Each structure stands twice: as structure tokens, then as C-alpha cells.
Amino acid sequence: MKILLGIRQITSKQRTLINKWKDVNDGWDTNDRMQSRFTNLSCNSITDIENEEKETNKIIRSISKTVYLDSDMKNQYLE
């Protein structure tokens, strides 16, 4: 369950960092490329990843590609 807790913490932090992104990227509201980037960041932050089993499983699979998890641990989180 630590993986799920970590996903919740990261998604919460990501949502709070959108305003900081706007502060760091002056002129984002007049630059088409930056507006597109902001839209993508906002949409990704709004998605309720931690309560979407499919999205959570995608994250866990991605993590498991770079972090060693034994078969029992993978099965526990991917079922």
C-alpha cells in the first residue's frame, strides 16, 4: 500500500505546483506553445489518478520496469 500512498502524495503535490509553474513561466498566457503546455499540465493534474484503478496500474507497471519487484509484490499490486 506504500506505492498507492506515494501516488496520492505525488498527485496532490503536482496539483499544487501548477501556480508555481505559471509564476516561473512569465508570458505563458500569450505564448501558444506555453498555453498548450499549461493545458496539458492542467488536464493531467485534474485526472483523478489515485482513484482510477486503470491509471494507477499504469503507474505501477511503469515503476516496475525500472525498480525490481519480486513476482509476489507485482501480483499484489496489479491484481
N, C-alpha and C. Protein backbone atom coordinates (compact mmCIF):
# COMPACT_ATOMS: atom_id res chain seq x y z
N MET A 1 0.80 -1.20 0.00
CA MET A 1 0.00 0.00 0.00
C MET A 1 0.85 1.27 0.00
N LYS A 2 2.14 1.14 0.26
CA LYS A 2 3.00 2.32 0.24
C LYS A 2 3.07 2.94 -1.15
N ILE A 3 2.97 2.10 -2.18
CA ILE A 3 3.00 2.61 -3.55
C ILE A 3 1.79 3.49 -3.79
N LEU A 4 0.62 3.04 -3.36
CA LEU A 4 -0.59 3.83 -3.55
C LEU A 4 -0.54 5.13 -2.77
N LEU A 5 0.00 5.09 -1.57
CA LEU A 5 0.16 6.31 -0.78
C LEU A 5 1.09 7.29 -1.48
N GLY A 6 2.18 6.77 -2.04
CA GLY A 6 3.12 7.61 -2.78
C GLY A 6 2.46 8.24 -4.00
N ILE A 7 1.65 7.48 -4.71
CA ILE A 7 0.94 8.02 -5.88
C ILE A 7 0.01 9.15 -5.44
N ARG A 8 -0.71 8.96 -4.34
CA ARG A 8 -1.61 10.01 -3.84
C ARG A 8 -0.83 11.27 -3.47
N GLN A 9 0.30 11.10 -2.80
CA GLN A 9 1.09 12.26 -2.37
C GLN A 9 1.65 13.01 -3.58
N ILE A 10 2.12 12.29 -4.57
CA ILE A 10 2.70 12.94 -5.75
C ILE A 10 1.62 13.66 -6.54
N THR A 11 0.46 13.06 -6.72
CA THR A 11 -0.60 13.74 -7.48
C THR A 11 -1.08 14.98 -6.75
N SER A 12 -1.14 14.93 -5.44
CA SER A 12 -1.53 16.10 -4.67
C SER A 12 -0.51 17.22 -4.82
N LYS A 13 0.75 16.86 -4.75
CA LYS A 13 1.82 17.86 -4.90
C LYS A 13 1.80 18.45 -6.31
N GLN A 14 1.57 17.61 -7.32
CA GLN A 14 1.53 18.07 -8.70
C GLN A 14 0.44 19.13 -8.87
N ARG A 15 -0.69 18.91 -8.25
CA ARG A 15 -1.80 19.87 -8.37
C ARG A 15 -1.43 21.22 -7.76
N THR A 16 -0.68 21.21 -6.67
CA THR A 16 -0.33 22.47 -6.02
C THR A 16 0.79 23.21 -6.76
N LEU A 17 1.52 22.52 -7.61
CA LEU A 17 2.64 23.16 -8.30
C LEU A 17 2.25 23.90 -9.58
N ILE A 18 1.00 23.81 -10.00
CA ILE A 18 0.59 24.49 -11.23
C ILE A 18 0.76 26.00 -11.11
N ASN A 19 0.40 26.58 -9.97
CA ASN A 19 0.57 28.02 -9.79
C ASN A 19 2.04 28.42 -9.82
N LYS A 20 2.90 27.59 -9.25
CA LYS A 20 4.33 27.88 -9.30
C LYS A 20 4.83 27.84 -10.74
N TRP A 21 4.32 26.89 -11.54
CA TRP A 21 4.70 26.80 -12.95
C TRP A 21 4.34 28.09 -13.67
N LYS A 22 3.14 28.62 -13.39
CA LYS A 22 2.72 29.87 -14.02
C LYS A 22 3.64 31.02 -13.62
N ASP A 23 4.04 31.06 -12.35
CA ASP A 23 4.93 32.13 -11.87
C ASP A 23 6.29 32.07 -12.55
N VAL A 24 6.80 30.88 -12.76
CA VAL A 24 8.13 30.70 -13.35
C VAL A 24 8.12 30.94 -14.86
N ASN A 25 6.99 30.71 -15.49
CA ASN A 25 6.89 30.84 -16.94
C ASN A 25 6.12 32.09 -17.33
N ASP A 26 6.79 33.25 -17.14
CA ASP A 26 6.17 34.52 -17.50
C ASP A 26 5.75 34.51 -18.97
N GLY A 27 4.61 35.09 -19.23
CA GLY A 27 4.12 35.18 -20.60
C GLY A 27 3.46 33.92 -21.11
N TRP A 28 3.24 32.94 -20.23
CA TRP A 28 2.63 31.68 -20.67
C TRP A 28 1.26 31.92 -21.27
N ASP A 29 0.57 32.97 -20.81
CA ASP A 29 -0.79 33.22 -21.26
C ASP A 29 -0.87 33.89 -22.63
N THR A 30 0.27 34.29 -23.18
CA THR A 30 0.27 34.90 -24.51
C THR A 30 1.06 34.07 -25.53
N ASN A 31 1.71 33.04 -25.08
CA ASN A 31 2.52 32.18 -25.94
C ASN A 31 1.74 30.89 -26.24
N ASP A 32 1.47 30.64 -27.51
CA ASP A 32 0.66 29.47 -27.88
C ASP A 32 1.26 28.15 -27.39
N ARG A 33 2.57 28.00 -27.55
CA ARG A 33 3.23 26.76 -27.12
C ARG A 33 3.12 26.58 -25.61
N MET A 34 3.31 27.66 -24.87
CA MET A 34 3.24 27.59 -23.41
C MET A 34 1.79 27.38 -22.94
N GLN A 35 0.82 27.95 -23.66
CA GLN A 35 -0.58 27.73 -23.33
C GLN A 35 -0.94 26.25 -23.51
N SER A 36 -0.42 25.66 -24.56
CA SER A 36 -0.66 24.24 -24.81
C SER A 36 -0.04 23.40 -23.70
N ARG A 37 1.16 23.76 -23.30
CA ARG A 37 1.83 23.05 -22.22
C ARG A 37 1.04 23.16 -20.91
N PHE A 38 0.56 24.39 -20.64
CA PHE A 38 -0.24 24.61 -19.44
C PHE A 38 -1.53 23.77 -19.47
N THR A 39 -2.17 23.72 -20.62
CA THR A 39 -3.39 22.92 -20.76
C THR A 39 -3.11 21.45 -20.49
N ASN A 40 -2.02 20.93 -21.03
CA ASN A 40 -1.65 19.53 -20.78
C ASN A 40 -1.36 19.29 -19.30
N LEU A 41 -0.62 20.18 -18.68
CA LEU A 41 -0.33 20.03 -17.25
C LEU A 41 -1.61 20.06 -16.42
N SER A 42 -2.50 20.98 -16.76
CA SER A 42 -3.75 21.10 -16.02
C SER A 42 -4.61 19.86 -16.17
N CYS A 43 -4.75 19.38 -17.40
CA CYS A 43 -5.56 18.18 -17.64
C CYS A 43 -4.98 16.97 -16.91
N ASN A 44 -3.68 16.82 -16.95
CA ASN A 44 -3.05 15.70 -16.25
C ASN A 44 -3.22 15.82 -14.74
N SER A 45 -3.23 17.04 -14.24
CA SER A 45 -3.37 17.24 -12.80
C SER A 45 -4.80 17.04 -12.33
N ILE A 46 -5.74 17.31 -13.19
CA ILE A 46 -7.15 17.18 -12.82
C ILE A 46 -7.60 15.73 -12.82
N THR A 47 -6.97 14.90 -13.65
CA THR A 47 -7.34 13.49 -13.72
C THR A 47 -7.21 12.87 -12.33
N ASP A 48 -8.22 12.16 -11.92
CA ASP A 48 -8.26 11.55 -10.59
C ASP A 48 -7.53 10.21 -10.60
N ILE A 49 -6.21 10.29 -10.80
CA ILE A 49 -5.39 9.09 -10.98
C ILE A 49 -5.47 8.16 -9.79
N GLU A 50 -5.40 8.71 -8.60
CA GLU A 50 -5.34 7.84 -7.43
C GLU A 50 -6.61 7.02 -7.21
N ASN A 51 -7.73 7.42 -7.81
CA ASN A 51 -8.97 6.66 -7.68
C ASN A 51 -9.35 5.92 -8.95
N GLU A 52 -8.51 5.98 -9.96
CA GLU A 52 -8.72 5.26 -11.22
C GLU A 52 -7.79 4.05 -11.22
N GLU A 53 -8.35 2.88 -11.05
CA GLU A 53 -7.53 1.66 -10.96
C GLU A 53 -6.68 1.46 -12.20
N LYS A 54 -7.24 1.73 -13.37
CA LYS A 54 -6.51 1.55 -14.63
C LYS A 54 -5.28 2.47 -14.66
N GLU A 55 -5.46 3.73 -14.28
CA GLU A 55 -4.35 4.69 -14.29
C GLU A 55 -3.31 4.33 -13.23
N THR A 56 -3.78 3.93 -12.07
CA THR A 56 -2.86 3.52 -11.00
C THR A 56 -2.02 2.32 -11.44
N ASN A 57 -2.65 1.35 -12.08
CA ASN A 57 -1.92 0.18 -12.56
C ASN A 57 -0.89 0.56 -13.62
N LYS A 58 -1.20 1.54 -14.47
CA LYS A 58 -0.22 2.01 -15.46
C LYS A 58 1.02 2.56 -14.76
N ILE A 59 0.80 3.35 -13.72
CA ILE A 59 1.92 3.93 -12.98
C ILE A 59 2.75 2.84 -12.32
N ILE A 60 2.08 1.89 -11.70
CA ILE A 60 2.80 0.80 -11.02
C ILE A 60 3.59 -0.03 -12.04
N ARG A 61 3.00 -0.31 -13.20
CA ARG A 61 3.73 -1.06 -14.24
C ARG A 61 4.96 -0.28 -14.70
N SER A 62 4.79 1.02 -14.87
CA SER A 62 5.92 1.85 -15.30
C SER A 62 7.03 1.85 -14.26
N ILE A 63 6.66 1.96 -13.00
CA ILE A 63 7.65 1.90 -11.92
C ILE A 63 8.34 0.55 -11.90
N SER A 64 7.57 -0.51 -12.10
CA SER A 64 8.14 -1.85 -12.01
C SER A 64 9.12 -2.16 -13.15
N LYS A 65 9.08 -1.36 -14.21
CA LYS A 65 10.05 -1.55 -15.30
C LYS A 65 11.44 -1.08 -14.90
N THR A 66 11.50 -0.14 -13.96
CA THR A 66 12.80 0.40 -13.56
C THR A 66 13.19 0.03 -12.14
N VAL A 67 12.25 -0.48 -11.36
CA VAL A 67 12.51 -0.87 -9.98
C VAL A 67 12.21 -2.35 -9.87
N TYR A 68 13.10 -3.08 -9.20
CA TYR A 68 12.90 -4.52 -9.06
C TYR A 68 11.81 -4.80 -8.03
N LEU A 69 10.77 -5.49 -8.47
CA LEU A 69 9.74 -6.00 -7.58
C LEU A 69 9.64 -7.49 -7.83
N ASP A 70 9.66 -8.29 -6.76
CA ASP A 70 9.51 -9.73 -6.98
C ASP A 70 8.08 -10.03 -7.45
N SER A 71 7.89 -11.22 -7.96
CA SER A 71 6.59 -11.60 -8.56
C SER A 71 5.44 -11.46 -7.57
N ASP A 72 5.67 -11.85 -6.33
CA ASP A 72 4.60 -11.73 -5.33
C ASP A 72 4.17 -10.29 -5.14
N MET A 73 5.14 -9.38 -5.09
CA MET A 73 4.83 -7.97 -4.88
C MET A 73 4.08 -7.41 -6.08
N LYS A 74 4.54 -7.74 -7.30
CA LYS A 74 3.85 -7.28 -8.51
C LYS A 74 2.42 -7.77 -8.53
N ASN A 75 2.22 -9.05 -8.24
CA ASN A 75 0.87 -9.61 -8.26
C ASN A 75 -0.03 -8.96 -7.22
N GLN A 76 0.53 -8.60 -6.10
CA GLN A 76 -0.25 -7.97 -5.05
C GLN A 76 -0.83 -6.64 -5.52
N TYR A 77 -0.05 -5.87 -6.27
CA TYR A 77 -0.49 -4.54 -6.69
C TYR A 77 -1.17 -4.50 -8.05
N LEU A 78 -0.99 -5.51 -8.87
CA LEU A 78 -1.54 -5.49 -10.22
C LEU A 78 -2.81 -6.31 -10.38
N GLU A 79 -3.28 -6.93 -9.33
CA GLU A 79 -4.49 -7.74 -9.43
C GLU A 79 -5.72 -6.90 -9.53
